[in-house]
Amino acid sequence: MKMTDRMTKEERHRCMAAIKGRDTRPEMTVRKYLFSRGLRYRVNVKKLPGSPDIVLRKYGVVVFVDGCFWHGHKDCKLYRLPLTNVEFWKGKVAKNTARDYVNNVDLELEGWRVIRIWECEIKTKEQREERLERLYKEIISGSPWKKPRKRRKKKIRYYNDYPEDFNIAAEPDFEE
């Protein structure tokens, strides 16, 4: 059964355009909490796979704050497909979920610990306090971390690279 949209095309466009991809309310809640606990971080680091919402380099941790609808949180009351254009939304959420999985794997291969927080976990005050305290403990429980540096290739020098007057022999020059 196909339902018609209650909004006009222009109203729907305006509504969807207002949805932010970063600095969302759940994200700001998590960031403020971590900052109040003395943790310092970077936000939306583009050089890392998936551009994590919060990067705590000192601990080797990246945090994603995911919306339940957009990232397909299973068994969550906030994840419910719209009644219109169902196939589009199924595909959209499936692509987001697949992309999240690939980003997790890539980050873990680079040595990062990946933590995902769902929007529904911090919805009420009690849930928020409990989840954010757990998040803080998860972050600081790991030992301080240093990302392995990429080794620079050493330039190989050949015999011909040295100047003629350069003494390579182990014995000093002496004239007779």
C-alpha atoms as a PDB file:
ATOM      1  CA  MET A   1       0.000   0.000   0.000  1.00  0.00           C
ATOM      2  CA  LYS A   2       1.455   3.313  -1.048  1.00  0.00           C
ATOM      3  CA  MET A   3       0.690   6.375   1.042  1.00  0.00           C
ATOM      4  CA  THR A   4       0.873   9.900  -0.200  1.00  0.00           C
ATOM      5  CA  ASP A   5       3.117  12.422   1.461  1.00  0.00           C
ATOM      6  CA  ARG A   6       1.366  14.934   3.717  1.00  0.00           C
ATOM      7  CA  MET A   7       3.787  17.691   2.764  1.00  0.00           C
ATOM      8  CA  THR A   8       4.271  19.386  -0.556  1.00  0.00           C
ATOM      9  CA  LYS A   9       7.530  18.780  -2.367  1.00  0.00           C
ATOM     10  CA  GLU A  10       8.858  22.210  -1.280  1.00  0.00           C
ATOM     11  CA  GLU A  11       7.903  21.652   2.375  1.00  0.00           C
ATOM     12  CA  ARG A  12       9.557  18.221   2.360  1.00  0.00           C
ATOM     13  CA  HIS A  13      12.693  19.694   0.775  1.00  0.00           C
ATOM     14  CA  ARG A  14      12.897  22.440   3.419  1.00  0.00           C
ATOM     15  CA  CYS A  15      12.349  19.906   6.197  1.00  0.00           C
ATOM     16  CA  MET A  16      15.045  17.527   4.938  1.00  0.00           C
ATOM     17  CA  ALA A  17      17.516  20.352   4.265  1.00  0.00           C
ATOM     18  CA  ALA A  18      17.256  21.410   7.914  1.00  0.00           C
ATOM     19  CA  ILE A  19      18.681  18.078   9.118  1.00  0.00           C
ATOM     20  CA  LYS A  20      22.272  18.600  10.169  1.00  0.00           C
ATOM     21  CA  GLY A  21      25.099  16.143   9.615  1.00  0.00           C
ATOM     22  CA  ARG A  22      27.357  17.500  12.353  1.00  0.00           C
ATOM     23  CA  ASP A  23      27.064  19.439  15.617  1.00  0.00           C
ATOM     24  CA  THR A  24      23.764  17.709  16.361  1.00  0.00           C
ATOM     25  CA  ARG A  25      22.207  17.913  19.828  1.00  0.00           C
ATOM     26  CA  PRO A  26      23.301  14.368  20.854  1.00  0.00           C
ATOM     27  CA  GLU A  27      26.810  15.055  19.570  1.00  0.00           C
ATOM     28  CA  MET A  28      27.054  18.349  21.463  1.00  0.00           C
ATOM     29  CA  THR A  29      25.810  16.620  24.646  1.00  0.00           C
ATOM     30  CA  VAL A  30      28.594  14.032  24.437  1.00  0.00           C
ATOM     31  CA  ARG A  31      31.243  16.646  23.605  1.00  0.00           C
ATOM     32  CA  LYS A  32      30.248  18.905  26.509  1.00  0.00           C
ATOM     33  CA  TYR A  33      30.331  15.972  28.922  1.00  0.00           C
ATOM     34  CA  LEU A  34      33.784  14.815  27.807  1.00  0.00           C
ATOM     35  CA  PHE A  35      35.144  18.365  27.973  1.00  0.00           C
ATOM     36  CA  SER A  36      33.720  18.829  31.496  1.00  0.00           C
ATOM     37  CA  ARG A  37      35.574  15.647  32.542  1.00  0.00           C
ATOM     38  CA  GLY A  38      38.864  17.142  31.349  1.00  0.00           C
ATOM     39  CA  LEU A  39      39.217  15.258  28.079  1.00  0.00           C
ATOM     40  CA  ARG A  40      40.409  17.170  25.046  1.00  0.00           C
ATOM     41  CA  TYR A  41      39.574  16.039  21.544  1.00  0.00           C
ATOM     42  CA  ARG A  42      39.329  16.960  17.898  1.00  0.00           C
ATOM     43  CA  VAL A  43      36.042  17.084  16.011  1.00  0.00           C
ATOM     44  CA  ASN A  44      35.198  15.615  12.573  1.00  0.00           C
ATOM     45  CA  VAL A  45      38.759  14.714  11.572  1.00  0.00           C
ATOM     46  CA  LYS A  46      38.569  14.356   7.799  1.00  0.00           C
ATOM     47  CA  LYS A  47      41.858  12.422   7.513  1.00  0.00           C
ATOM     48  CA  LEU A  48      40.352   9.425   9.319  1.00  0.00           C
ATOM     49  CA  PRO A  49      37.892   6.999   7.714  1.00  0.00           C
ATOM     50  CA  GLY A  50      34.307   8.095   8.328  1.00  0.00           C
ATOM     51  CA  SER A  51      35.370  11.499   9.686  1.00  0.00           C
ATOM     52  CA  PRO A  52      34.673  10.536  13.343  1.00  0.00           C
ATOM     53  CA  ASP A  53      32.577  12.918  15.447  1.00  0.00           C
ATOM     54  CA  ILE A  54      35.134  12.921  18.284  1.00  0.00           C
ATOM     55  CA  VAL A  55      38.794  11.884  18.154  1.00  0.00           C
ATOM     56  CA  LEU A  56      40.766  11.425  21.379  1.00  0.00           C
ATOM     57  CA  ARG A  57      44.282  10.855  20.039  1.00  0.00           C
ATOM     58  CA  LYS A  58      45.862  10.502  23.486  1.00  0.00           C
ATOM     59  CA  TYR A  59      43.767   7.398  24.144  1.00  0.00           C
ATOM     60  CA  GLY A  60      43.570   6.100  20.578  1.00  0.00           C
ATOM     61  CA  VAL A  61      39.784   6.375  20.624  1.00  0.00           C
ATOM     62  CA  VAL A  62      37.287   7.631  18.079  1.00  0.00           C
ATOM     63  CA  VAL A  63      33.639   8.192  18.992  1.00  0.00           C
ATOM     64  CA  PHE A  64      30.701   8.255  16.617  1.00  0.00           C
ATOM     65  CA  VAL A  65      27.383   9.649  17.868  1.00  0.00           C
ATOM     66  CA  ASP A  66      24.819   8.046  15.570  1.00  0.00           C
ATOM     67  CA  GLY A  67      21.190   8.863  15.010  1.00  0.00           C
ATOM     68  CA  CYS A  68      19.053   5.738  15.369  1.00  0.00           C
ATOM     69  CA  PHE A  69      17.043   6.416  12.204  1.00  0.00           C
ATOM     70  CA  TRP A  70      19.917   7.350   9.891  1.00  0.00           C
ATOM     71  CA  HIS A  71      22.194   4.494  10.971  1.00  0.00           C
ATOM     72  CA  GLY A  72      19.583   1.733  11.295  1.00  0.00           C
ATOM     73  CA  HIS A  73      19.650   0.978  15.026  1.00  0.00           C
ATOM     74  CA  LYS A  74      17.955  -2.400  15.254  1.00  0.00           C
ATOM     75  CA  ASP A  75      15.240  -2.973  17.905  1.00  0.00           C
ATOM     76  CA  CYS A  76      15.012   0.744  18.657  1.00  0.00           C
ATOM     77  CA  LYS A  77      11.767   2.675  18.767  1.00  0.00           C
ATOM     78  CA  LEU A  78      13.477   5.653  17.087  1.00  0.00           C
ATOM     79  CA  TYR A  79      14.332   3.526  14.047  1.00  0.00           C
ATOM     80  CA  ARG A  80      11.186   3.226  12.013  1.00  0.00           C
ATOM     81  CA  LEU A  81      11.045   3.517   8.260  1.00  0.00           C
ATOM     82  CA  PRO A  82       8.716   6.173   6.842  1.00  0.00           C
ATOM     83  CA  LEU A  83       5.525   4.908   5.291  1.00  0.00           C
ATOM     84  CA  THR A  84       6.244   6.660   2.011  1.00  0.00           C
ATOM     85  CA  ASN A  85       9.082   5.807  -0.363  1.00  0.00           C
ATOM     86  CA  VAL A  86       9.987   2.729   1.714  1.00  0.00           C
ATOM     87  CA  GLU A  87      12.396   1.191  -0.810  1.00  0.00           C
ATOM     88  CA  PHE A  88      14.433   4.401  -0.998  1.00  0.00           C
ATOM     89  CA  TRP A  89      14.756   4.580   2.787  1.00  0.00           C
ATOM     90  CA  LYS A  90      15.658   0.904   3.123  1.00  0.00           C
ATOM     91  CA  GLY A  91      18.445   1.395   0.592  1.00  0.00           C
ATOM     92  CA  LYS A  92      19.614   4.633   2.203  1.00  0.00           C
ATOM     93  CA  VAL A  93      19.836   3.132   5.701  1.00  0.00           C
ATOM     94  CA  ALA A  94      21.474  -0.057   4.362  1.00  0.00           C
ATOM     95  CA  LYS A  95      24.181   2.008   2.628  1.00  0.00           C
ATOM     96  CA  ASN A  96      24.795   4.003   5.826  1.00  0.00           C
ATOM     97  CA  THR A  97      25.066   0.800   7.867  1.00  0.00           C
ATOM     98  CA  ALA A  98      27.476  -0.773   5.361  1.00  0.00           C
ATOM     99  CA  ARG A  99      29.593   2.392   5.280  1.00  0.00           C
ATOM    100  CA  ASP A 100      29.717   2.457   9.104  1.00  0.00           C
ATOM    101  CA  TYR A 101      30.944  -1.145   9.151  1.00  0.00           C
ATOM    102  CA  VAL A 102      33.696  -0.443   6.606  1.00  0.00           C
ATOM    103  CA  ASN A 103      34.796   2.662   8.528  1.00  0.00           C
ATOM    104  CA  ASN A 104      34.938   0.652  11.783  1.00  0.00           C
ATOM    105  CA  VAL A 105      37.137  -1.987  10.178  1.00  0.00           C
ATOM    106  CA  ASP A 106      39.439   0.611   8.585  1.00  0.00           C
ATOM    107  CA  LEU A 107      39.847   2.501  11.853  1.00  0.00           C
ATOM    108  CA  GLU A 108      40.525  -0.673  13.834  1.00  0.00           C
ATOM    109  CA  LEU A 109      43.134  -1.738  11.276  1.00  0.00           C
ATOM    110  CA  GLU A 110      44.840   1.617  11.842  1.00  0.00           C
ATOM    111  CA  GLY A 111      44.895   0.894  15.584  1.00  0.00           C
ATOM    112  CA  TRP A 112      41.967   3.029  16.795  1.00  0.00           C
ATOM    113  CA  ARG A 113      39.375   1.882  19.328  1.00  0.00           C
ATOM    114  CA  VAL A 114      35.931   2.687  17.919  1.00  0.00           C
ATOM    115  CA  ILE A 115      33.027   3.574  20.216  1.00  0.00           C
ATOM    116  CA  ARG A 116      29.526   4.177  18.890  1.00  0.00           C
ATOM    117  CA  ILE A 117      26.882   5.953  20.915  1.00  0.00           C
ATOM    118  CA  TRP A 118      23.279   5.744  19.790  1.00  0.00           C
ATOM    119  CA  GLU A 119      20.917   8.693  20.041  1.00  0.00           C
ATOM    120  CA  CYS A 120      18.456   6.622  22.110  1.00  0.00           C
ATOM    121  CA  GLU A 121      21.129   5.860  24.739  1.00  0.00           C
ATOM    122  CA  ILE A 122      21.290   9.508  25.776  1.00  0.00           C
ATOM    123  CA  LYS A 123      17.649  10.494  25.303  1.00  0.00           C
ATOM    124  CA  THR A 124      16.553  10.698  28.958  1.00  0.00           C
ATOM    125  CA  LYS A 125      18.549  12.222  31.803  1.00  0.00           C
ATOM    126  CA  GLU A 126      19.035   8.903  33.643  1.00  0.00           C
ATOM    127  CA  GLN A 127      20.139   7.084  30.498  1.00  0.00           C
ATOM    128  CA  ARG A 128      22.419   9.964  29.545  1.00  0.00           C
ATOM    129  CA  GLU A 129      24.221  10.079  32.906  1.00  0.00           C
ATOM    130  CA  GLU A 130      24.740   6.312  32.969  1.00  0.00           C
ATOM    131  CA  ARG A 131      25.903   6.035  29.315  1.00  0.00           C
ATOM    132  CA  LEU A 132      28.227   9.023  29.416  1.00  0.00           C
ATOM    133  CA  GLU A 133      29.872   7.777  32.613  1.00  0.00           C
ATOM    134  CA  ARG A 134      30.393   4.396  30.919  1.00  0.00           C
ATOM    135  CA  LEU A 135      31.811   6.187  27.858  1.00  0.00           C
ATOM    136  CA  TYR A 136      34.292   8.096  30.019  1.00  0.00           C
ATOM    137  CA  LYS A 137      35.449   4.863  31.691  1.00  0.00           C
ATOM    138  CA  GLU A 138      35.751   3.134  28.297  1.00  0.00           C
ATOM    139  CA  ILE A 139      37.963   5.944  27.025  1.00  0.00           C
ATOM    140  CA  ILE A 140      40.336   6.224  29.967  1.00  0.00           C
ATOM    141  CA  SER A 141      40.523   2.465  30.598  1.00  0.00           C
ATOM    142  CA  GLY A 142      42.908   2.038  27.677  1.00  0.00           C
ATOM    143  CA  SER A 143      46.534   2.932  28.087  1.00  0.00           C
ATOM    144  CA  PRO A 144      47.839   6.135  26.517  1.00  0.00           C
ATOM    145  CA  TRP A 145      48.326   5.403  22.873  1.00  0.00           C
ATOM    146  CA  LYS A 146      50.682   6.484  20.167  1.00  0.00           C
ATOM    147  CA  LYS A 147      49.682   5.880  16.620  1.00  0.00           C
ATOM    148  CA  PRO A 148      52.435   4.065  14.746  1.00  0.00           C
ATOM    149  CA  ARG A 149      54.259   6.456  12.490  1.00  0.00           C
ATOM    150  CA  LYS A 150      54.851   5.680   8.877  1.00  0.00           C
ATOM    151  CA  ARG A 151      58.494   4.939   8.339  1.00  0.00           C
ATOM    152  CA  ARG A 152      60.277   7.089   5.841  1.00  0.00           C
ATOM    153  CA  LYS A 153      62.259   5.242   3.269  1.00  0.00           C
ATOM    154  CA  LYS A 154      65.967   5.768   3.688  1.00  0.00           C
ATOM    155  CA  LYS A 155      67.769   6.952   0.641  1.00  0.00           C
ATOM    156  CA  ILE A 156      70.147   4.263  -0.540  1.00  0.00           C
ATOM    157  CA  ARG A 157      73.560   5.652  -1.378  1.00  0.00           C
ATOM    158  CA  TYR A 158      75.672   3.963  -3.980  1.00  0.00           C
ATOM    159  CA  TYR A 159      79.435   4.109  -4.337  1.00  0.00           C
ATOM    160  CA  ASN A 160      79.106   6.487  -7.270  1.00  0.00           C
ATOM    161  CA  ASP A 161      77.099   8.960  -5.158  1.00  0.00           C
ATOM    162  CA  TYR A 162      80.142   9.969  -3.093  1.00  0.00           C
ATOM    163  CA  PRO A 163      82.572  12.665  -4.268  1.00  0.00           C
ATOM    164  CA  GLU A 164      86.016  11.520  -5.446  1.00  0.00           C
ATOM    165  CA  ASP A 165      87.874  13.138  -2.556  1.00  0.00           C
ATOM    166  CA  PHE A 166      85.671  11.395   0.024  1.00  0.00           C
ATOM    167  CA  ASN A 167      87.690   8.801   1.932  1.00  0.00           C
ATOM    168  CA  ILE A 168      85.714   5.621   2.305  1.00  0.00           C
ATOM    169  CA  ALA A 169      88.548   3.340   3.302  1.00  0.00           C
ATOM    170  CA  ALA A 170      89.067   2.588   6.980  1.00  0.00           C
ATOM    171  CA  GLU A 171      92.744   3.541   6.798  1.00  0.00           C
ATOM    172  CA  PRO A 172      93.840   7.173   6.752  1.00  0.00           C
ATOM    173  CA  ASP A 173      95.482   8.618   3.661  1.00  0.00           C
ATOM    174  CA  PHE A 174      99.173   9.167   4.001  1.00  0.00           C
ATOM    175  CA  GLU A 175     101.666  10.073   1.414  1.00  0.00           C
ATOM    176  CA  GLU A 176     105.141   8.676   1.192  1.00  0.00           C
END
